Amino acid sequence: MPALTIKNVPDDLYKELKHVAEQHHRSINSEVIVCLKNALFPRRITPTDRLSNIQSLRAQITPHIITAENIDNAIDEDRA
């Protein structure tokens, strides 16, 4: 397998890469490979998968229903 050496990596980029690698429980080398794969070979998501992801996120949200009465009360409080 070929080896790759990267020179002159900015400090802030290295620190962020190291931080992300730690979060994913990977070595810095493995994290670089994942980043390169994601950048060069982006995963295509189908509309069905996208919709499923959206529905999953929506299910996690607690709805806060604001009524016309709530709005009127807020307006009245500002006038006082």
PDB file of N, CA and C in Angstrom:
ATOM      1  N   MET A   1       0.840  -1.168   0.000  1.00  0.00           N
ATOM      2  CA  MET A   1       0.000   0.000   0.000  1.00  0.00           C
ATOM      3  C   MET A   1       0.889   1.236   0.000  1.00  0.00           C
ATOM      4  N   PRO A   2       0.590   2.218  -0.830  1.00  0.00           N
ATOM      5  CA  PRO A   2       1.426   3.424  -0.892  1.00  0.00           C
ATOM      6  C   PRO A   2       1.369   4.232   0.406  1.00  0.00           C
ATOM      7  N   ALA A   3       2.432   4.958   0.669  1.00  0.00           N
ATOM      8  CA  ALA A   3       2.500   5.842   1.833  1.00  0.00           C
ATOM      9  C   ALA A   3       2.430   7.287   1.348  1.00  0.00           C
ATOM     10  N   LEU A   4       1.933   8.152   2.199  1.00  0.00           N
ATOM     11  CA  LEU A   4       1.782   9.558   1.849  1.00  0.00           C
ATOM     12  C   LEU A   4       2.318  10.393   3.003  1.00  0.00           C
ATOM     13  N   THR A   5       3.161  11.345   2.689  1.00  0.00           N
ATOM     14  CA  THR A   5       3.678  12.259   3.696  1.00  0.00           C
ATOM     15  C   THR A   5       3.110  13.640   3.413  1.00  0.00           C
ATOM     16  N   ILE A   6       2.569  14.261   4.444  1.00  0.00           N
ATOM     17  CA  ILE A   6       2.007  15.608   4.283  1.00  0.00           C
ATOM     18  C   ILE A   6       2.871  16.559   5.103  1.00  0.00           C
ATOM     19  N   LYS A   7       3.372  17.593   4.441  1.00  0.00           N
ATOM     20  CA  LYS A   7       4.247  18.553   5.107  1.00  0.00           C
ATOM     21  C   LYS A   7       3.521  19.873   5.311  1.00  0.00           C
ATOM     22  N   ASN A   8       4.018  20.642   6.260  1.00  0.00           N
ATOM     23  CA  ASN A   8       3.557  21.998   6.529  1.00  0.00           C
ATOM     24  C   ASN A   8       2.065  22.072   6.858  1.00  0.00           C
ATOM     25  N   VAL A   9       1.594  21.134   7.661  1.00  0.00           N
ATOM     26  CA  VAL A   9       0.196  21.155   8.103  1.00  0.00           C
ATOM     27  C   VAL A   9       0.048  22.286   9.123  1.00  0.00           C
ATOM     28  N   PRO A  10      -0.864  23.217   8.907  1.00  0.00           N
ATOM     29  CA  PRO A  10      -1.061  24.300   9.879  1.00  0.00           C
ATOM     30  C   PRO A  10      -1.453  23.747  11.255  1.00  0.00           C
ATOM     31  N   ASP A  11      -0.981  24.410  12.300  1.00  0.00           N
ATOM     32  CA  ASP A  11      -1.219  23.945  13.663  1.00  0.00           C
ATOM     33  C   ASP A  11      -2.705  23.778  13.972  1.00  0.00           C
ATOM     34  N   ASP A  12      -3.515  24.755  13.574  1.00  0.00           N
ATOM     35  CA  ASP A  12      -4.946  24.682  13.886  1.00  0.00           C
ATOM     36  C   ASP A  12      -5.614  23.503  13.175  1.00  0.00           C
ATOM     37  N   LEU A  13      -5.192  23.217  11.960  1.00  0.00           N
ATOM     38  CA  LEU A  13      -5.740  22.082  11.218  1.00  0.00           C
ATOM     39  C   LEU A  13      -5.335  20.772  11.886  1.00  0.00           C
ATOM     40  N   TYR A  14      -4.091  20.680  12.302  1.00  0.00           N
ATOM     41  CA  TYR A  14      -3.608  19.470  12.972  1.00  0.00           C
ATOM     42  C   TYR A  14      -4.358  19.238  14.283  1.00  0.00           C
ATOM     43  N   LYS A  15      -4.538  20.309  15.063  1.00  0.00           N
ATOM     44  CA  LYS A  15      -5.243  20.184  16.346  1.00  0.00           C
ATOM     45  C   LYS A  15      -6.682  19.711  16.143  1.00  0.00           C
ATOM     46  N   GLU A  16      -7.348  20.271  15.145  1.00  0.00           N
ATOM     47  CA  GLU A  16      -8.725  19.867  14.862  1.00  0.00           C
ATOM     48  C   GLU A  16      -8.780  18.422  14.381  1.00  0.00           C
ATOM     49  N   LEU A  17      -7.866  18.049  13.523  1.00  0.00           N
ATOM     50  CA  LEU A  17      -7.793  16.674  13.027  1.00  0.00           C
ATOM     51  C   LEU A  17      -7.566  15.703  14.186  1.00  0.00           C
ATOM     52  N   LYS A  18      -6.670  16.061  15.077  1.00  0.00           N
ATOM     53  CA  LYS A  18      -6.386  15.225  16.234  1.00  0.00           C
ATOM     54  C   LYS A  18      -7.621  15.106  17.127  1.00  0.00           C
ATOM     55  N   HIS A  19      -8.313  16.215  17.329  1.00  0.00           N
ATOM     56  CA  HIS A  19      -9.523  16.232  18.155  1.00  0.00           C
ATOM     57  C   HIS A  19     -10.608  15.334  17.556  1.00  0.00           C
ATOM     58  N   VAL A  20     -10.833  15.460  16.262  1.00  0.00           N
ATOM     59  CA  VAL A  20     -11.853  14.644  15.592  1.00  0.00           C
ATOM     60  C   VAL A  20     -11.465  13.166  15.619  1.00  0.00           C
ATOM     61  N   ALA A  21     -10.196  12.889  15.422  1.00  0.00           N
ATOM     62  CA  ALA A  21      -9.723  11.502  15.465  1.00  0.00           C
ATOM     63  C   ALA A  21      -9.987  10.893  16.842  1.00  0.00           C
ATOM     64  N   GLU A  22      -9.745  11.657  17.886  1.00  0.00           N
ATOM     65  CA  GLU A  22      -9.997  11.165  19.245  1.00  0.00           C
ATOM     66  C   GLU A  22     -11.485  10.901  19.462  1.00  0.00           C
ATOM     67  N   GLN A  23     -12.334  11.787  18.942  1.00  0.00           N
ATOM     68  CA  GLN A  23     -13.785  11.598  19.083  1.00  0.00           C
ATOM     69  C   GLN A  23     -14.249  10.321  18.396  1.00  0.00           C
ATOM     70  N   HIS A  24     -13.628   9.980  17.284  1.00  0.00           N
ATOM     71  CA  HIS A  24     -14.006   8.786  16.528  1.00  0.00           C
ATOM     72  C   HIS A  24     -13.195   7.554  16.930  1.00  0.00           C
ATOM     73  N   HIS A  25     -12.339   7.710  17.939  1.00  0.00           N
ATOM     74  CA  HIS A  25     -11.489   6.611  18.417  1.00  0.00           C
ATOM     75  C   HIS A  25     -10.624   6.049  17.286  1.00  0.00           C
ATOM     76  N   ARG A  26     -10.018   6.969  16.533  1.00  0.00           N
ATOM     77  CA  ARG A  26      -9.137   6.587  15.422  1.00  0.00           C
ATOM     78  C   ARG A  26      -7.773   7.235  15.615  1.00  0.00           C
ATOM     79  N   SER A  27      -6.811   6.682  14.909  1.00  0.00           N
ATOM     80  CA  SER A  27      -5.504   7.340  14.843  1.00  0.00           C
ATOM     81  C   SER A  27      -5.646   8.533  13.898  1.00  0.00           C
ATOM     82  N   ILE A  28      -4.683   9.431  13.953  1.00  0.00           N
ATOM     83  CA  ILE A  28      -4.708  10.571  13.038  1.00  0.00           C
ATOM     84  C   ILE A  28      -4.601  10.073  11.605  1.00  0.00           C
ATOM     85  N   ASN A  29      -3.779   9.085  11.364  1.00  0.00           N
ATOM     86  CA  ASN A  29      -3.634   8.514  10.026  1.00  0.00           C
ATOM     87  C   ASN A  29      -4.975   7.984   9.507  1.00  0.00           C
ATOM     88  N   SER A  30      -5.671   7.217  10.341  1.00  0.00           N
ATOM     89  CA  SER A  30      -6.971   6.666   9.930  1.00  0.00           C
ATOM     90  C   SER A  30      -7.985   7.766   9.677  1.00  0.00           C
ATOM     91  N   GLU A  31      -7.947   8.801  10.501  1.00  0.00           N
ATOM     92  CA  GLU A  31      -8.893   9.916  10.325  1.00  0.00           C
ATOM     93  C   GLU A  31      -8.616  10.648   9.014  1.00  0.00           C
ATOM     94  N   VAL A  32      -7.354  10.832   8.671  1.00  0.00           N
ATOM     95  CA  VAL A  32      -7.008  11.471   7.392  1.00  0.00           C
ATOM     96  C   VAL A  32      -7.545  10.646   6.230  1.00  0.00           C
ATOM     97  N   ILE A  33      -7.405   9.332   6.307  1.00  0.00           N
ATOM     98  CA  ILE A  33      -7.902   8.464   5.232  1.00  0.00           C
ATOM     99  C   ILE A  33      -9.419   8.591   5.098  1.00  0.00           C
ATOM    100  N   VAL A  34     -10.128   8.601   6.237  1.00  0.00           N
ATOM    101  CA  VAL A  34     -11.593   8.758   6.202  1.00  0.00           C
ATOM    102  C   VAL A  34     -11.969  10.110   5.597  1.00  0.00           C
ATOM    103  N   CYS A  35     -11.276  11.163   6.005  1.00  0.00           N
ATOM    104  CA  CYS A  35     -11.559  12.504   5.465  1.00  0.00           C
ATOM    105  C   CYS A  35     -11.331  12.551   3.957  1.00  0.00           C
ATOM    106  N   LEU A  36     -10.240  11.954   3.513  1.00  0.00           N
ATOM    107  CA  LEU A  36      -9.951  11.937   2.073  1.00  0.00           C
ATOM    108  C   LEU A  36     -11.002  11.134   1.309  1.00  0.00           C
ATOM    109  N   LYS A  37     -11.395   9.993   1.838  1.00  0.00           N
ATOM    110  CA  LYS A  37     -12.429   9.186   1.181  1.00  0.00           C
ATOM    111  C   LYS A  37     -13.741   9.951   1.082  1.00  0.00           C
ATOM    112  N   ASN A  38     -14.123  10.611   2.178  1.00  0.00           N
ATOM    113  CA  ASN A  38     -15.376  11.370   2.178  1.00  0.00           C
ATOM    114  C   ASN A  38     -15.331  12.543   1.196  1.00  0.00           C
ATOM    115  N   ALA A  39     -14.167  13.153   1.069  1.00  0.00           N
ATOM    116  CA  ALA A  39     -14.036  14.292   0.163  1.00  0.00           C
ATOM    117  C   ALA A  39     -13.977  13.852  -1.303  1.00  0.00           C
ATOM    118  N   LEU A  40     -13.302  12.753  -1.551  1.00  0.00           N
ATOM    119  CA  LEU A  40     -13.098  12.316  -2.931  1.00  0.00           C
ATOM    120  C   LEU A  40     -14.198  11.393  -3.449  1.00  0.00           C
ATOM    121  N   PHE A  41     -14.826  10.668  -2.547  1.00  0.00           N
ATOM    122  CA  PHE A  41     -15.878   9.725  -2.943  1.00  0.00           C
ATOM    123  C   PHE A  41     -17.124   9.960  -2.082  1.00  0.00           C
ATOM    124  N   PRO A  42     -17.786  11.097  -2.265  1.00  0.00           N
ATOM    125  CA  PRO A  42     -18.948  11.383  -1.416  1.00  0.00           C
ATOM    126  C   PRO A  42     -20.046  10.339  -1.600  1.00  0.00           C
ATOM    127  N   ARG A  43     -20.669   9.995  -0.511  1.00  0.00           N
ATOM    128  CA  ARG A  43     -21.752   9.012  -0.533  1.00  0.00           C
ATOM    129  C   ARG A  43     -23.020   9.690  -1.037  1.00  0.00           C
ATOM    130  N   ARG A  44     -23.614   9.128  -2.055  1.00  0.00           N
ATOM    131  CA  ARG A  44     -24.866   9.651  -2.590  1.00  0.00           C
ATOM    132  C   ARG A  44     -26.006   9.147  -1.716  1.00  0.00           C
ATOM    133  N   ILE A  45     -26.849  10.062  -1.296  1.00  0.00           N
ATOM    134  CA  ILE A  45     -27.987   9.679  -0.472  1.00  0.00           C
ATOM    135  C   ILE A  45     -29.249   9.769  -1.324  1.00  0.00           C
ATOM    136  N   THR A  46     -30.048   8.734  -1.259  1.00  0.00           N
ATOM    137  CA  THR A  46     -31.277   8.696  -2.054  1.00  0.00           C
ATOM    138  C   THR A  46     -32.323   9.591  -1.396  1.00  0.00           C
ATOM    139  N   PRO A  47     -33.274  10.069  -2.173  1.00  0.00           N
ATOM    140  CA  PRO A  47     -34.360  10.869  -1.580  1.00  0.00           C
ATOM    141  C   PRO A  47     -35.095  10.112  -0.468  1.00  0.00           C
ATOM    142  N   THR A  48     -35.242   8.815  -0.625  1.00  0.00           N
ATOM    143  CA  THR A  48     -35.912   8.009   0.398  1.00  0.00           C
ATOM    144  C   THR A  48     -35.113   8.008   1.693  1.00  0.00           C
ATOM    145  N   ASP A  49     -33.795   7.843   1.585  1.00  0.00           N
ATOM    146  CA  ASP A  49     -32.940   7.878   2.776  1.00  0.00           C
ATOM    147  C   ASP A  49     -32.956   9.260   3.425  1.00  0.00           C
ATOM    148  N   ARG A  50     -32.909  10.292   2.603  1.00  0.00           N
ATOM    149  CA  ARG A  50     -32.939  11.666   3.125  1.00  0.00           C
ATOM    150  C   ARG A  50     -34.235  11.909   3.890  1.00  0.00           C
ATOM    151  N   LEU A  51     -35.358  11.492   3.320  1.00  0.00           N
ATOM    152  CA  LEU A  51     -36.651  11.657   3.971  1.00  0.00           C
ATOM    153  C   LEU A  51     -36.700  10.875   5.279  1.00  0.00           C
ATOM    154  N   SER A  52     -36.154   9.682   5.277  1.00  0.00           N
ATOM    155  CA  SER A  52     -36.112   8.870   6.490  1.00  0.00           C
ATOM    156  C   SER A  52     -35.299   9.560   7.578  1.00  0.00           C
ATOM    157  N   ASN A  53     -34.166  10.144   7.195  1.00  0.00           N
ATOM    158  CA  ASN A  53     -33.342  10.884   8.160  1.00  0.00           C
ATOM    159  C   ASN A  53     -34.091  12.081   8.727  1.00  0.00           C
ATOM    160  N   ILE A  54     -34.795  12.799   7.878  1.00  0.00           N
ATOM    161  CA  ILE A  54     -35.561  13.967   8.316  1.00  0.00           C
ATOM    162  C   ILE A  54     -36.658  13.542   9.282  1.00  0.00           C
ATOM    163  N   GLN A  55     -37.373  12.487   8.938  1.00  0.00           N
ATOM    164  CA  GLN A  55     -38.448  12.008   9.806  1.00  0.00           C
ATOM    165  C   GLN A  55     -37.901  11.554  11.155  1.00  0.00           C
ATOM    166  N   SER A  56     -36.741  10.928  11.148  1.00  0.00           N
ATOM    167  CA  SER A  56     -36.115  10.492  12.391  1.00  0.00           C
ATOM    168  C   SER A  56     -35.750  11.696  13.264  1.00  0.00           C
ATOM    169  N   LEU A  57     -35.202  12.732  12.645  1.00  0.00           N
ATOM    170  CA  LEU A  57     -34.857  13.941  13.404  1.00  0.00           C
ATOM    171  C   LEU A  57     -36.104  14.634  13.933  1.00  0.00           C
ATOM    172  N   ARG A  58     -37.146  14.708  13.124  1.00  0.00           N
ATOM    173  CA  ARG A  58     -38.395  15.342  13.559  1.00  0.00           C
ATOM    174  C   ARG A  58     -39.002  14.619  14.744  1.00  0.00           C
ATOM    175  N   ALA A  59     -38.881  13.306  14.779  1.00  0.00           N
ATOM    176  CA  ALA A  59     -39.446  12.520  15.869  1.00  0.00           C
ATOM    177  C   ALA A  59     -38.759  12.837  17.197  1.00  0.00           C
ATOM    178  N   GLN A  60     -37.545  13.346  17.138  1.00  0.00           N
ATOM    179  CA  GLN A  60     -36.788  13.675  18.344  1.00  0.00           C
ATOM    180  C   GLN A  60     -37.118  15.061  18.886  1.00  0.00           C
ATOM    181  N   ILE A  61     -37.829  15.858  18.108  1.00  0.00           N
ATOM    182  CA  ILE A  61     -38.126  17.240  18.490  1.00  0.00           C
ATOM    183  C   ILE A  61     -39.451  17.286  19.246  1.00  0.00           C
ATOM    184  N   THR A  62     -39.437  17.947  20.394  1.00  0.00           N
ATOM    185  CA  THR A  62     -40.667  18.157  21.138  1.00  0.00           C
ATOM    186  C   THR A  62     -41.312  19.426  20.590  1.00  0.00           C
ATOM    187  N   PRO A  63     -42.528  19.302  20.068  1.00  0.00           N
ATOM    188  CA  PRO A  63     -43.158  20.482  19.486  1.00  0.00           C
ATOM    189  C   PRO A  63     -43.558  21.489  20.566  1.00  0.00           C
ATOM    190  N   HIS A  64     -43.307  22.736  20.284  1.00  0.00           N
ATOM    191  CA  HIS A  64     -43.735  23.839  21.144  1.00  0.00           C
ATOM    192  C   HIS A  64     -44.783  24.605  20.353  1.00  0.00           C
ATOM    193  N   ILE A  65     -46.010  24.404  20.722  1.00  0.00           N
ATOM    194  CA  ILE A  65     -47.099  25.024  19.979  1.00  0.00           C
ATOM    195  C   ILE A  65     -47.355  26.419  20.536  1.00  0.00           C
ATOM    196  N   ILE A  66     -47.276  27.403  19.671  1.00  0.00           N
ATOM    197  CA  ILE A  66     -47.554  28.784  20.045  1.00  0.00           C
ATOM    198  C   ILE A  66     -48.922  29.130  19.481  1.00  0.00           C
ATOM    199  N   THR A  67     -49.800  29.512  20.372  1.00  0.00           N
ATOM    200  CA  THR A  67     -51.162  29.844  19.955  1.00  0.00           C
ATOM    201  C   THR A  67     -51.282  31.339  19.728  1.00  0.00           C
ATOM    202  N   ALA A  68     -52.389  31.717  19.110  1.00  0.00           N
ATOM    203  CA  ALA A  68     -52.673  33.139  18.912  1.00  0.00           C
ATOM    204  C   ALA A  68     -52.801  33.834  20.259  1.00  0.00           C
ATOM    205  N   GLU A  69     -53.324  33.123  21.245  1.00  0.00           N
ATOM    206  CA  GLU A  69     -53.460  33.689  22.593  1.00  0.00           C
ATOM    207  C   GLU A  69     -52.090  33.980  23.200  1.00  0.00           C
ATOM    208  N   ASN A  70     -51.114  33.068  22.983  1.00  0.00           N
ATOM    209  CA  ASN A  70     -49.751  33.303  23.466  1.00  0.00           C
ATOM    210  C   ASN A  70     -49.164  34.569  22.837  1.00  0.00           C
ATOM    211  N   ILE A  71     -49.403  34.748  21.568  1.00  0.00           N
ATOM    212  CA  ILE A  71     -48.881  35.923  20.858  1.00  0.00           C
ATOM    213  C   ILE A  71     -49.538  37.189  21.387  1.00  0.00           C
ATOM    214  N   ASP A  72     -50.864  37.153  21.546  1.00  0.00           N
ATOM    215  CA  ASP A  72     -51.587  38.319  22.074  1.00  0.00           C
ATOM    216  C   ASP A  72     -51.101  38.675  23.476  1.00  0.00           C
ATOM    217  N   ASN A  73     -50.887  37.661  24.315  1.00  0.00           N
ATOM    218  CA  ASN A  73     -50.389  37.915  25.675  1.00  0.00           C
ATOM    219  C   ASN A  73     -49.002  38.532  25.648  1.00  0.00           C
ATOM    220  N   ALA A  74     -48.140  38.073  24.770  1.00  0.00           N
ATOM    221  CA  ALA A  74     -46.797  38.623  24.676  1.00  0.00           C
ATOM    222  C   ALA A  74     -46.848  40.081  24.214  1.00  0.00           C
ATOM    223  N   ILE A  75     -47.727  40.358  23.273  1.00  0.00           N
ATOM    224  CA  ILE A  75     -47.885  41.742  22.805  1.00  0.00           C
ATOM    225  C   ILE A  75     -48.404  42.613  23.930  1.00  0.00           C
ATOM    226  N   ASP A  76     -49.405  42.126  24.669  1.00  0.00           N
ATOM    227  CA  ASP A  76     -49.973  42.894  25.779  1.00  0.00           C
ATOM    228  C   ASP A  76     -48.957  43.142  26.886  1.00  0.00           C
ATOM    229  N   GLU A  77     -48.088  42.161  27.185  1.00  0.00           N
ATOM    230  CA  GLU A  77     -47.067  42.331  28.201  1.00  0.00           C
ATOM    231  C   GLU A  77     -46.083  43.423  27.826  1.00  0.00           C
ATOM    232  N   ASP A  78     -45.782  43.536  26.555  1.00  0.00           N
ATOM    233  CA  ASP A  78     -44.839  44.564  26.094  1.00  0.00           C
ATOM    234  C   ASP A  78     -45.448  45.957  26.212  1.00  0.00           C
ATOM    235  N   ARG A  79     -46.753  46.031  26.113  1.00  0.00           N
ATOM    236  CA  ARG A  79     -47.430  47.334  26.184  1.00  0.00           C
ATOM    237  C   ARG A  79     -47.521  47.836  27.616  1.00  0.00           C
ATOM    238  N   ALA A  80     -47.423  46.953  28.581  1.00  0.00           N
ATOM    239  CA  ALA A  80     -47.610  47.341  29.987  1.00  0.00           C
ATOM    240  C   ALA A  80     -46.451  48.125  30.526  1.00  0.00           C
TER     241      ALA A  80
END
